[in-house]
Amino acid sequence: MSKEEYCKKAEELFKKKEFNEAIECLTKAIELDSNFAYAFSGRGWSYYYLKDYNKALEDFNKTLELEPNYADCFNGRGKCYYY
């Protein structure tokens, strides 16, 4: 599968609240392209909803390192710092 296909599958899993499975797909997408900000963001949100705020924060920070204007990750970071 391509990185885009892994992300599409992860989106479907995320909508069903199957966050661990979504993380697996997004990790595979990242293994294919370690600069794929979208996958880091999605994985960050998956970790966030699993209440693993440290891992979520790592992925949000990586997303912003790759794409400094990725606004959704500023929101995610703020939520992580809150908890």
Protein backbone atom coordinates (compact mmCIF):
# COMPACT_ATOMS: atom_id res chain seq x y z
CA MET A 1 0.00 0.00 0.00
CA SER A 2 1.05 3.61 -0.53
CA LYS A 3 1.38 6.18 2.23
CA GLU A 4 -1.85 7.79 1.01
CA GLU A 5 -3.70 4.48 1.15
CA TYR A 6 -2.48 3.87 4.70
CA CYS A 7 -3.72 7.33 5.68
CA LYS A 8 -7.10 6.77 4.06
CA LYS A 9 -7.49 3.50 5.95
CA ALA A 10 -6.39 5.25 9.16
CA GLU A 11 -9.05 7.94 8.63
CA GLU A 12 -11.73 5.24 8.39
CA LEU A 13 -10.44 3.59 11.57
CA PHE A 14 -10.24 6.95 13.35
CA LYS A 15 -13.90 7.66 12.55
CA LYS A 16 -14.78 4.31 14.16
CA LYS A 17 -12.64 5.25 17.19
CA GLU A 18 -10.24 2.41 16.48
CA PHE A 19 -7.28 4.55 17.43
CA ASN A 20 -4.69 1.80 17.99
CA GLU A 21 -5.37 0.41 14.53
CA ALA A 22 -5.19 3.91 13.05
CA ILE A 23 -1.80 4.39 14.72
CA GLU A 24 -0.54 1.19 13.10
CA CYS A 25 -1.57 2.43 9.64
CA LEU A 26 -0.11 5.88 10.17
CA THR A 27 3.14 4.42 11.44
CA LYS A 28 3.38 2.40 8.21
CA ALA A 29 2.79 5.59 6.21
CA ILE A 30 5.57 7.29 8.18
CA GLU A 31 7.89 4.35 7.52
CA LEU A 32 7.30 4.93 3.80
CA ASP A 33 7.89 8.69 4.07
CA SER A 34 9.42 10.06 7.24
CA ASN A 35 8.56 13.61 6.13
CA PHE A 36 4.82 13.00 5.70
CA ALA A 37 3.39 15.63 8.06
CA TYR A 38 -0.23 14.52 7.53
CA ALA A 39 0.55 11.06 8.96
CA PHE A 40 2.29 12.52 12.01
CA SER A 41 -0.70 14.79 12.63
CA GLY A 42 -3.20 11.94 12.36
CA ARG A 43 -1.12 9.74 14.61
CA GLY A 44 -0.85 12.60 17.08
CA TRP A 45 -4.62 12.93 17.25
CA SER A 46 -4.97 9.17 17.67
CA TYR A 47 -2.57 9.23 20.60
CA TYR A 48 -4.43 12.24 21.99
CA TYR A 49 -7.75 10.37 22.02
CA LEU A 50 -6.03 7.44 23.72
CA LYS A 51 -4.88 9.97 26.37
CA ASP A 52 -1.22 9.36 25.57
CA TYR A 53 -0.46 13.06 25.62
CA ASN A 54 3.33 12.73 25.54
CA LYS A 55 3.32 10.71 22.32
CA ALA A 56 0.66 13.00 20.86
CA LEU A 57 2.81 16.01 21.65
CA GLU A 58 5.84 14.40 20.01
CA ASP A 59 3.87 13.83 16.81
CA PHE A 60 2.32 17.31 16.82
CA ASN A 61 5.79 18.80 17.28
CA LYS A 62 7.18 16.69 14.42
CA THR A 63 4.30 17.80 12.20
CA LEU A 64 5.08 21.44 12.93
CA GLU A 65 8.78 20.86 12.32
CA LEU A 66 7.86 19.58 8.85
CA GLU A 67 4.98 21.99 8.16
CA PRO A 68 5.27 25.09 10.40
CA ASN A 69 1.82 26.41 9.42
CA TYR A 70 -0.13 23.21 10.16
CA ALA A 71 -2.71 25.02 12.33
CA ASP A 72 -4.53 21.92 13.58
CA CYS A 73 -1.40 20.80 15.39
CA PHE A 74 -1.18 24.03 17.35
CA ASN A 75 -4.65 23.15 18.65
CA GLY A 76 -3.49 19.62 19.46
CA ARG A 77 -0.42 20.84 21.31
CA GLY A 78 -2.51 23.23 23.36
CA LYS A 79 -4.87 20.43 24.34
CA CYS A 80 -1.95 18.21 25.32
CA TYR A 81 -0.43 20.92 27.49
CA TYR A 82 -3.82 21.42 29.12
CA TYR A 83 -3.90 17.77 30.21
